[in-house]
Amino acid sequence: MHDRFDSGLVLRYFWAMQTTIQLDDALLAQATKLAHEKGYDLSHLIEETLRDKLAPAPTANPRPFLRLTTVGGEGVRPGVDLNNSAALLALMEQGA
């Protein structure tokens, strides 16, 4: 009978490093519970969490500068309430 050889498993085991870390008991309990809920072992959860935390933050695209055009004048006409869009629309439809 021939033993089945899984080279991926062997390479993962060969390159994996073991280390000991100290965790607060409550944190360890939370991590163990989350790993179980996700169907992971604790090592996989810790690796995934570290990769997420150490990944570079995505750079946000800065918004382009928007220049507003202003004109001279005496401000808003009497009776115009810029906070009342329905009344403003009615005035604009009247052509006032």
Foldseek 3Di string as FASTA:
>chain_A
DDDDDDVVVVVCVVPDDDDDDDDDPVVVVVLCVVCVVVVHHSVVSVVVVVCVVPDDDDDDDDDDDDDDDDDDDDDDDPPDDPVDVVVVVVCVVVVD
